[in-house]
Amino acid sequence: MSGKVYAIYSTAVGGKPLIPLKRGVLETGRGLVGDRYYLGTGTLSKRLIGKSGVDITLIESEEIEQFNHTHNLSLGVGELRRNIVTSGVRLNDLIGVTFSVGNTTLEGVRLCEPCAHLSKIATPEVLPGLIGRCGLRAHIITGGTVKPGDVITAT
C-alpha cells in the first residue's frame, strides 16, 4: 500500500475557508501547526478536548471526485475541510494501522464522518453521500513536515 499527499489545507479560524499550504508542520499529539484545531479555535474544538485521534484529518481525492461526479457538483478538495488530501491510498484500510506520511508517523484511529456543520458549509449532500467515505482521523506519533507529493506507506 502506498499513496501520495495530494494537498494540505488549513485555516486558523473555525468556519472560514481552508487555504492550501506548500508544506505543513505536524506536531505530535497536537495537530497541524497553525490550524484551527491546533489553536483551539475550530467550530468543534470544545467537543474534541480529551478525545484521542483528533490530531489530523485526511481524505481521499478519489472520493471527492466520485462524490462530485455522482452529485453533479464541483467541490474543490479543500472544501471538505480535511487537513491532508491523499491520492492512491484507501484511508479506511488504515484504521488501527501505523503509517508514514513523508517523514511523519501517524496512526489511523477512526473514520472522519461528515457532520451537520460540514453539510452546512459545503453542501447538504455530504451527509448521505460521504458516510463511510469522508476520510480518516489520525494520531500523530512522530511529528515533522509534510508537503504535496510526499509518499504515504504503511509501516
N, C-alpha and C. Protein backbone atom coordinates (compact mmCIF):
# COMPACT_ATOMS: atom_id res chain seq x y z
N MET A 1 0.85 -1.18 0.00
CA MET A 1 0.00 0.00 0.00
C MET A 1 0.89 1.23 0.00
N SER A 2 0.67 2.08 -0.96
CA SER A 2 1.34 3.36 -0.94
C SER A 2 0.54 4.36 -1.76
N GLY A 3 0.57 5.58 -1.31
CA GLY A 3 -0.12 6.66 -1.99
C GLY A 3 0.71 7.91 -1.85
N LYS A 4 0.08 9.05 -2.10
CA LYS A 4 0.79 10.32 -2.00
C LYS A 4 -0.09 11.40 -1.38
N VAL A 5 0.57 12.41 -0.86
CA VAL A 5 -0.13 13.61 -0.40
C VAL A 5 -0.46 14.42 -1.65
N TYR A 6 -1.73 14.68 -1.85
CA TYR A 6 -2.21 15.46 -2.99
C TYR A 6 -2.18 16.95 -2.66
N ALA A 7 -2.63 17.28 -1.42
CA ALA A 7 -2.68 18.68 -0.99
C ALA A 7 -2.79 18.74 0.53
N ILE A 8 -2.47 19.91 1.09
CA ILE A 8 -2.57 20.16 2.53
C ILE A 8 -3.37 21.45 2.71
N TYR A 9 -4.31 21.42 3.65
CA TYR A 9 -5.19 22.57 3.88
C TYR A 9 -5.27 22.92 5.36
N SER A 10 -5.47 24.20 5.61
CA SER A 10 -5.58 24.69 6.98
C SER A 10 -6.30 26.03 6.99
N THR A 11 -6.81 26.38 8.15
CA THR A 11 -7.31 27.73 8.43
C THR A 11 -7.16 27.95 9.93
N ALA A 12 -6.91 29.17 10.32
CA ALA A 12 -6.72 29.47 11.74
C ALA A 12 -8.03 29.69 12.47
N VAL A 13 -9.13 29.90 11.73
CA VAL A 13 -10.41 30.25 12.36
C VAL A 13 -11.50 29.30 11.89
N GLY A 14 -12.24 28.73 12.84
CA GLY A 14 -13.34 27.83 12.51
C GLY A 14 -14.37 28.50 11.61
N GLY A 15 -14.88 27.75 10.64
CA GLY A 15 -15.90 28.25 9.74
C GLY A 15 -15.37 29.02 8.55
N LYS A 16 -14.12 29.41 8.57
CA LYS A 16 -13.52 30.16 7.45
C LYS A 16 -13.00 29.16 6.40
N PRO A 17 -12.90 29.60 5.14
CA PRO A 17 -12.38 28.70 4.10
C PRO A 17 -10.96 28.22 4.42
N LEU A 18 -10.69 26.97 4.06
CA LEU A 18 -9.35 26.43 4.21
C LEU A 18 -8.48 26.93 3.06
N ILE A 19 -7.21 27.12 3.36
CA ILE A 19 -6.28 27.56 2.33
C ILE A 19 -5.23 26.47 2.10
N PRO A 20 -4.77 26.33 0.84
CA PRO A 20 -3.75 25.32 0.57
C PRO A 20 -2.39 25.76 1.11
N LEU A 21 -1.63 24.78 1.58
CA LEU A 21 -0.29 25.04 2.10
C LEU A 21 0.75 24.37 1.22
N LYS A 22 1.91 25.00 1.08
CA LYS A 22 3.03 24.38 0.35
C LYS A 22 3.68 23.30 1.20
N ARG A 23 3.54 23.44 2.52
CA ARG A 23 4.03 22.43 3.46
C ARG A 23 3.32 22.65 4.78
N GLY A 24 3.24 21.60 5.56
CA GLY A 24 2.63 21.71 6.88
C GLY A 24 3.52 21.05 7.91
N VAL A 25 3.50 21.59 9.11
CA VAL A 25 4.27 21.01 10.21
C VAL A 25 3.27 20.30 11.12
N LEU A 26 3.50 18.99 11.33
CA LEU A 26 2.66 18.20 12.21
C LEU A 26 3.36 18.05 13.55
N GLU A 27 2.66 18.37 14.61
CA GLU A 27 3.22 18.27 15.96
C GLU A 27 2.57 17.10 16.69
N THR A 28 3.42 16.26 17.26
CA THR A 28 2.96 15.07 17.96
C THR A 28 1.89 15.42 18.99
N GLY A 29 0.76 14.72 18.90
CA GLY A 29 -0.32 14.89 19.87
C GLY A 29 -1.08 16.19 19.78
N ARG A 30 -0.74 17.07 18.85
CA ARG A 30 -1.41 18.38 18.74
C ARG A 30 -2.10 18.59 17.41
N GLY A 31 -1.40 18.33 16.31
CA GLY A 31 -2.00 18.54 15.01
C GLY A 31 -1.14 19.35 14.07
N LEU A 32 -1.82 19.94 13.08
CA LEU A 32 -1.18 20.75 12.06
C LEU A 32 -0.95 22.15 12.64
N VAL A 33 0.31 22.54 12.79
CA VAL A 33 0.65 23.82 13.41
C VAL A 33 -0.06 24.95 12.66
N GLY A 34 -0.76 25.79 13.42
CA GLY A 34 -1.47 26.93 12.86
C GLY A 34 -2.91 26.66 12.47
N ASP A 35 -3.31 25.38 12.45
CA ASP A 35 -4.68 25.04 12.08
C ASP A 35 -5.65 25.39 13.21
N ARG A 36 -6.91 25.55 12.89
CA ARG A 36 -7.94 25.92 13.86
C ARG A 36 -8.03 24.95 15.03
N TYR A 37 -7.84 23.66 14.79
CA TYR A 37 -7.93 22.71 15.89
C TYR A 37 -6.64 22.67 16.71
N TYR A 38 -5.54 22.96 16.09
CA TYR A 38 -4.27 23.12 16.81
C TYR A 38 -4.38 24.32 17.76
N LEU A 39 -5.00 25.39 17.27
CA LEU A 39 -5.14 26.63 18.04
C LEU A 39 -6.33 26.61 19.01
N GLY A 40 -7.22 25.62 18.87
CA GLY A 40 -8.41 25.57 19.72
C GLY A 40 -9.51 26.51 19.28
N THR A 41 -9.45 26.98 18.03
CA THR A 41 -10.46 27.91 17.52
C THR A 41 -11.42 27.27 16.53
N GLY A 42 -11.33 25.95 16.36
CA GLY A 42 -12.23 25.24 15.44
C GLY A 42 -13.64 25.19 15.99
N THR A 43 -14.60 25.11 15.09
CA THR A 43 -16.00 25.07 15.49
C THR A 43 -16.28 23.95 16.48
N LEU A 44 -15.63 22.81 16.31
CA LEU A 44 -15.87 21.65 17.17
C LEU A 44 -14.76 21.44 18.21
N SER A 45 -13.91 22.42 18.40
CA SER A 45 -12.76 22.26 19.31
C SER A 45 -13.16 21.82 20.71
N LYS A 46 -14.17 22.43 21.28
CA LYS A 46 -14.56 22.09 22.65
C LYS A 46 -15.05 20.66 22.75
N ARG A 47 -15.74 20.17 21.72
CA ARG A 47 -16.23 18.78 21.72
C ARG A 47 -15.11 17.77 21.62
N LEU A 48 -13.98 18.18 21.05
CA LEU A 48 -12.88 17.24 20.80
C LEU A 48 -11.85 17.19 21.92
N ILE A 49 -11.96 18.08 22.90
CA ILE A 49 -10.99 18.09 24.00
C ILE A 49 -10.97 16.73 24.70
N GLY A 50 -9.78 16.18 24.86
CA GLY A 50 -9.62 14.91 25.56
C GLY A 50 -9.89 13.68 24.72
N LYS A 51 -10.32 13.84 23.48
CA LYS A 51 -10.57 12.67 22.62
C LYS A 51 -9.29 12.27 21.91
N SER A 52 -9.13 10.98 21.72
CA SER A 52 -7.94 10.50 21.03
C SER A 52 -8.15 10.53 19.52
N GLY A 53 -7.05 10.61 18.81
CA GLY A 53 -7.10 10.51 17.36
C GLY A 53 -7.72 11.69 16.66
N VAL A 54 -7.61 12.87 17.23
CA VAL A 54 -8.18 14.05 16.59
C VAL A 54 -7.08 15.02 16.13
N ASP A 55 -5.85 14.54 16.08
CA ASP A 55 -4.72 15.40 15.74
C ASP A 55 -4.81 15.92 14.30
N ILE A 56 -5.16 15.04 13.37
CA ILE A 56 -5.09 15.39 11.95
C ILE A 56 -6.18 14.63 11.20
N THR A 57 -6.69 15.24 10.12
CA THR A 57 -7.70 14.57 9.30
C THR A 57 -7.19 14.43 7.87
N LEU A 58 -7.59 13.33 7.24
CA LEU A 58 -7.19 13.04 5.87
C LEU A 58 -8.42 12.65 5.06
N ILE A 59 -8.39 12.88 3.77
CA ILE A 59 -9.46 12.47 2.87
C ILE A 59 -8.86 12.11 1.51
N GLU A 60 -9.48 11.18 0.82
CA GLU A 60 -9.01 10.73 -0.49
C GLU A 60 -9.52 11.63 -1.60
N SER A 61 -8.64 12.07 -2.46
CA SER A 61 -9.05 12.88 -3.62
C SER A 61 -10.01 12.09 -4.51
N GLU A 62 -9.82 10.79 -4.59
CA GLU A 62 -10.69 9.95 -5.41
C GLU A 62 -12.12 9.95 -4.91
N GLU A 63 -12.30 9.97 -3.59
CA GLU A 63 -13.66 10.01 -3.03
C GLU A 63 -14.33 11.35 -3.32
N ILE A 64 -13.55 12.42 -3.30
CA ILE A 64 -14.10 13.74 -3.62
C ILE A 64 -14.53 13.78 -5.09
N GLU A 65 -13.68 13.26 -5.96
CA GLU A 65 -14.01 13.22 -7.39
C GLU A 65 -15.27 12.40 -7.63
N GLN A 66 -15.37 11.24 -6.99
CA GLN A 66 -16.55 10.37 -7.16
C GLN A 66 -17.81 11.06 -6.62
N PHE A 67 -17.70 11.70 -5.47
CA PHE A 67 -18.82 12.43 -4.88
C PHE A 67 -19.29 13.53 -5.84
N ASN A 68 -18.35 14.32 -6.36
CA ASN A 68 -18.70 15.38 -7.30
C ASN A 68 -19.39 14.82 -8.54
N HIS A 69 -18.87 13.72 -9.06
CA HIS A 69 -19.46 13.10 -10.25
C HIS A 69 -20.88 12.61 -9.96
N THR A 70 -21.05 11.91 -8.86
CA THR A 70 -22.36 11.35 -8.50
C THR A 70 -23.41 12.43 -8.29
N HIS A 71 -23.01 13.54 -7.68
CA HIS A 71 -23.97 14.59 -7.31
C HIS A 71 -23.93 15.80 -8.26
N ASN A 72 -23.18 15.66 -9.37
CA ASN A 72 -23.07 16.74 -10.34
C ASN A 72 -22.65 18.05 -9.68
N LEU A 73 -21.61 17.95 -8.85
CA LEU A 73 -21.07 19.10 -8.12
C LEU A 73 -19.63 19.33 -8.54
N SER A 74 -19.06 20.42 -8.08
CA SER A 74 -17.66 20.71 -8.39
C SER A 74 -16.95 21.25 -7.14
N LEU A 75 -17.12 20.56 -6.02
CA LEU A 75 -16.44 20.98 -4.80
C LEU A 75 -14.94 20.81 -4.96
N GLY A 76 -14.18 21.80 -4.51
CA GLY A 76 -12.73 21.69 -4.50
C GLY A 76 -12.30 20.77 -3.38
N VAL A 77 -11.09 20.22 -3.49
CA VAL A 77 -10.63 19.26 -2.49
C VAL A 77 -10.50 19.86 -1.09
N GLY A 78 -10.32 21.16 -0.98
CA GLY A 78 -10.25 21.80 0.33
C GLY A 78 -11.60 22.11 0.94
N GLU A 79 -12.66 22.03 0.16
CA GLU A 79 -13.98 22.38 0.66
C GLU A 79 -14.58 21.33 1.59
N LEU A 80 -14.00 20.15 1.63
CA LEU A 80 -14.49 19.13 2.56
C LEU A 80 -13.76 19.17 3.89
N ARG A 81 -12.91 20.19 4.08
CA ARG A 81 -12.38 20.62 5.36
C ARG A 81 -11.52 19.58 6.08
N ARG A 82 -10.76 18.80 5.32
CA ARG A 82 -9.80 17.88 5.90
C ARG A 82 -8.41 18.47 5.69
N ASN A 83 -7.48 18.16 6.59
CA ASN A 83 -6.14 18.74 6.51
C ASN A 83 -5.29 18.21 5.37
N ILE A 84 -5.29 16.89 5.20
CA ILE A 84 -4.45 16.28 4.17
C ILE A 84 -5.33 15.56 3.17
N VAL A 85 -5.18 15.92 1.91
CA VAL A 85 -5.87 15.25 0.82
C VAL A 85 -4.87 14.27 0.21
N THR A 86 -5.30 13.02 0.04
CA THR A 86 -4.42 11.96 -0.45
C THR A 86 -4.82 11.50 -1.84
N SER A 87 -3.95 10.74 -2.47
CA SER A 87 -4.30 10.04 -3.70
C SER A 87 -3.61 8.68 -3.67
N GLY A 88 -4.31 7.69 -4.21
CA GLY A 88 -3.72 6.37 -4.35
C GLY A 88 -3.68 5.51 -3.11
N VAL A 89 -4.42 5.88 -2.06
CA VAL A 89 -4.42 5.08 -0.83
C VAL A 89 -5.84 5.03 -0.26
N ARG A 90 -6.27 3.83 0.16
CA ARG A 90 -7.59 3.67 0.79
C ARG A 90 -7.45 3.96 2.27
N LEU A 91 -7.93 5.11 2.69
CA LEU A 91 -7.79 5.54 4.08
C LEU A 91 -8.57 4.65 5.04
N ASN A 92 -9.72 4.13 4.63
CA ASN A 92 -10.49 3.25 5.51
C ASN A 92 -9.68 2.03 5.94
N ASP A 93 -8.74 1.62 5.10
CA ASP A 93 -7.89 0.47 5.42
C ASP A 93 -6.81 0.79 6.45
N LEU A 94 -6.67 2.08 6.81
CA LEU A 94 -5.62 2.48 7.74
C LEU A 94 -6.11 2.64 9.18
N ILE A 95 -7.34 2.29 9.46
CA ILE A 95 -7.82 2.33 10.84
C ILE A 95 -7.07 1.26 11.63
N GLY A 96 -6.44 1.69 12.72
CA GLY A 96 -5.65 0.78 13.54
C GLY A 96 -4.27 0.49 12.99
N VAL A 97 -3.87 1.20 11.95
CA VAL A 97 -2.60 0.95 11.28
C VAL A 97 -1.67 2.15 11.48
N THR A 98 -0.39 1.86 11.68
CA THR A 98 0.63 2.90 11.73
C THR A 98 1.14 3.11 10.31
N PHE A 99 1.24 4.37 9.90
CA PHE A 99 1.69 4.65 8.54
C PHE A 99 2.50 5.94 8.52
N SER A 100 3.34 6.06 7.50
CA SER A 100 4.16 7.26 7.37
C SER A 100 3.58 8.16 6.29
N VAL A 101 3.72 9.44 6.53
CA VAL A 101 3.38 10.48 5.56
C VAL A 101 4.61 11.37 5.52
N GLY A 102 5.37 11.26 4.43
CA GLY A 102 6.65 11.96 4.39
C GLY A 102 7.52 11.47 5.53
N ASN A 103 8.03 12.40 6.36
CA ASN A 103 8.88 12.00 7.48
C ASN A 103 8.12 11.94 8.80
N THR A 104 6.79 11.91 8.74
CA THR A 104 5.98 11.80 9.96
C THR A 104 5.43 10.38 10.08
N THR A 105 5.01 10.03 11.29
CA THR A 105 4.37 8.74 11.52
C THR A 105 3.01 9.00 12.16
N LEU A 106 1.97 8.42 11.57
CA LEU A 106 0.60 8.58 12.05
C LEU A 106 0.01 7.22 12.37
N GLU A 107 -1.05 7.24 13.17
CA GLU A 107 -1.84 6.04 13.41
C GLU A 107 -3.28 6.35 13.10
N GLY A 108 -3.88 5.59 12.19
CA GLY A 108 -5.29 5.76 11.86
C GLY A 108 -6.15 5.35 13.04
N VAL A 109 -7.05 6.23 13.48
CA VAL A 109 -7.85 5.96 14.67
C VAL A 109 -9.30 5.62 14.32
N ARG A 110 -9.94 6.45 13.51
CA ARG A 110 -11.34 6.19 13.16
C ARG A 110 -11.72 7.01 11.93
N LEU A 111 -12.87 6.65 11.36
CA LEU A 111 -13.36 7.42 10.22
C LEU A 111 -13.68 8.84 10.66
N CYS A 112 -13.53 9.76 9.76
CA CYS A 112 -13.89 11.16 9.98
C CYS A 112 -15.19 11.40 9.21
N GLU A 113 -16.28 11.04 9.83
CA GLU A 113 -17.58 11.08 9.17
C GLU A 113 -18.05 12.52 8.93
N PRO A 114 -18.87 12.73 7.90
CA PRO A 114 -19.43 14.06 7.67
C PRO A 114 -20.40 14.41 8.80
N CYS A 115 -20.53 15.69 9.07
CA CYS A 115 -21.41 16.14 10.16
C CYS A 115 -22.31 17.28 9.66
N ALA A 116 -23.23 17.70 10.52
CA ALA A 116 -24.15 18.78 10.15
C ALA A 116 -23.40 20.06 9.84
N HIS A 117 -22.32 20.32 10.56
CA HIS A 117 -21.53 21.53 10.31
C HIS A 117 -20.93 21.51 8.90
N LEU A 118 -20.34 20.38 8.51
CA LEU A 118 -19.78 20.24 7.16
C LEU A 118 -20.88 20.37 6.11
N SER A 119 -22.03 19.77 6.39
CA SER A 119 -23.16 19.84 5.49
C SER A 119 -23.60 21.28 5.26
N LYS A 120 -23.58 22.07 6.32
CA LYS A 120 -23.98 23.48 6.23
C LYS A 120 -22.96 24.30 5.44
N ILE A 121 -21.67 24.04 5.65
CA ILE A 121 -20.62 24.82 4.99
C ILE A 121 -20.41 24.39 3.54
N ALA A 122 -20.37 23.07 3.28
CA ALA A 122 -20.03 22.58 1.94
C ALA A 122 -21.29 22.42 1.08
N THR A 123 -22.08 21.41 1.39
CA THR A 123 -23.32 21.12 0.68
C THR A 123 -24.09 20.06 1.47
N PRO A 124 -25.42 20.13 1.51
CA PRO A 124 -26.20 19.15 2.27
C PRO A 124 -25.98 17.70 1.81
N GLU A 125 -25.57 17.51 0.57
CA GLU A 125 -25.38 16.16 0.04
C GLU A 125 -24.27 15.38 0.73
N VAL A 126 -23.38 16.06 1.47
CA VAL A 126 -22.28 15.33 2.10
C VAL A 126 -22.76 14.34 3.15
N LEU A 127 -23.84 14.68 3.85
CA LEU A 127 -24.31 13.78 4.92
C LEU A 127 -24.69 12.41 4.38
N PRO A 128 -25.57 12.30 3.44
CA PRO A 128 -25.82 10.93 2.96
C PRO A 128 -24.74 10.44 1.99
N GLY A 129 -24.13 11.35 1.24
CA GLY A 129 -23.24 10.96 0.15
C GLY A 129 -21.84 10.55 0.53
N LEU A 130 -21.37 10.96 1.72
CA LEU A 130 -19.99 10.64 2.08
C LEU A 130 -19.86 9.83 3.38
N ILE A 131 -20.95 9.31 3.87
CA ILE A 131 -20.85 8.46 5.06
C ILE A 131 -19.97 7.26 4.72
N GLY A 132 -18.97 7.02 5.57
CA GLY A 132 -18.03 5.93 5.35
C GLY A 132 -16.96 6.24 4.32
N ARG A 133 -16.98 7.46 3.75
CA ARG A 133 -16.03 7.81 2.69
C ARG A 133 -15.48 9.22 2.85
N CYS A 134 -15.64 9.82 4.01
CA CYS A 134 -15.27 11.22 4.19
C CYS A 134 -13.91 11.40 4.88
N GLY A 135 -13.16 10.32 4.98
CA GLY A 135 -11.80 10.47 5.49
C GLY A 135 -11.51 9.75 6.77
N LEU A 136 -10.37 10.10 7.34
CA LEU A 136 -9.80 9.40 8.48
C LEU A 136 -9.28 10.41 9.50
N ARG A 137 -9.50 10.10 10.76
CA ARG A 137 -8.88 10.85 11.86
C ARG A 137 -7.66 10.06 12.30
N ALA A 138 -6.57 10.76 12.54
CA ALA A 138 -5.34 10.07 12.90
C ALA A 138 -4.62 10.77 14.05
N HIS A 139 -3.86 9.98 14.77
CA HIS A 139 -2.99 10.46 15.85
C HIS A 139 -1.60 10.65 15.26
N ILE A 140 -0.95 11.74 15.60
CA ILE A 140 0.42 11.98 15.14
C ILE A 140 1.38 11.36 16.16
N ILE A 141 2.08 10.32 15.75
CA ILE A 141 3.03 9.64 16.62
C ILE A 141 4.38 10.35 16.58
N THR A 142 4.85 10.62 15.35
CA THR A 142 6.12 11.34 15.15
C THR A 142 5.84 12.54 14.27
N GLY A 143 6.09 13.71 14.79
CA GLY A 143 5.85 14.93 14.03
C GLY A 143 6.92 15.17 12.99
N GLY A 144 6.69 16.17 12.18
CA GLY A 144 7.63 16.54 11.14
C GLY A 144 6.93 17.41 10.11
N THR A 145 7.52 17.49 8.94
CA THR A 145 6.99 18.32 7.86
C THR A 145 6.41 17.45 6.76
N VAL A 146 5.25 17.84 6.26
CA VAL A 146 4.64 17.15 5.12
C VAL A 146 4.40 18.16 4.01
N LYS A 147 4.43 17.65 2.77
CA LYS A 147 4.19 18.52 1.62
C LYS A 147 3.55 17.70 0.51
N PRO A 148 2.86 18.38 -0.40
CA PRO A 148 2.30 17.64 -1.54
C PRO A 148 3.39 16.84 -2.26
N GLY A 149 3.03 15.63 -2.62
CA GLY A 149 3.98 14.73 -3.29
C GLY A 149 4.63 13.75 -2.34
N ASP A 150 4.58 14.01 -1.02
CA ASP A 150 5.15 13.05 -0.06
C ASP A 150 4.45 11.70 -0.16
N VAL A 151 5.21 10.65 0.02
CA VAL A 151 4.70 9.29 -0.07
C VAL A 151 4.03 8.88 1.24
N ILE A 152 2.94 8.13 1.11
CA ILE A 152 2.21 7.57 2.26
C ILE A 152 2.37 6.06 2.17
N THR A 153 2.92 5.44 3.24
CA THR A 153 3.10 3.99 3.26
C THR A 153 2.80 3.44 4.64
N ALA A 154 2.23 2.23 4.66
CA ALA A 154 2.03 1.53 5.92
C ALA A 154 3.40 1.13 6.45
N THR A 155 3.59 1.23 7.77
CA THR A 155 4.90 0.89 8.34
C THR A 155 4.85 -0.48 9.01
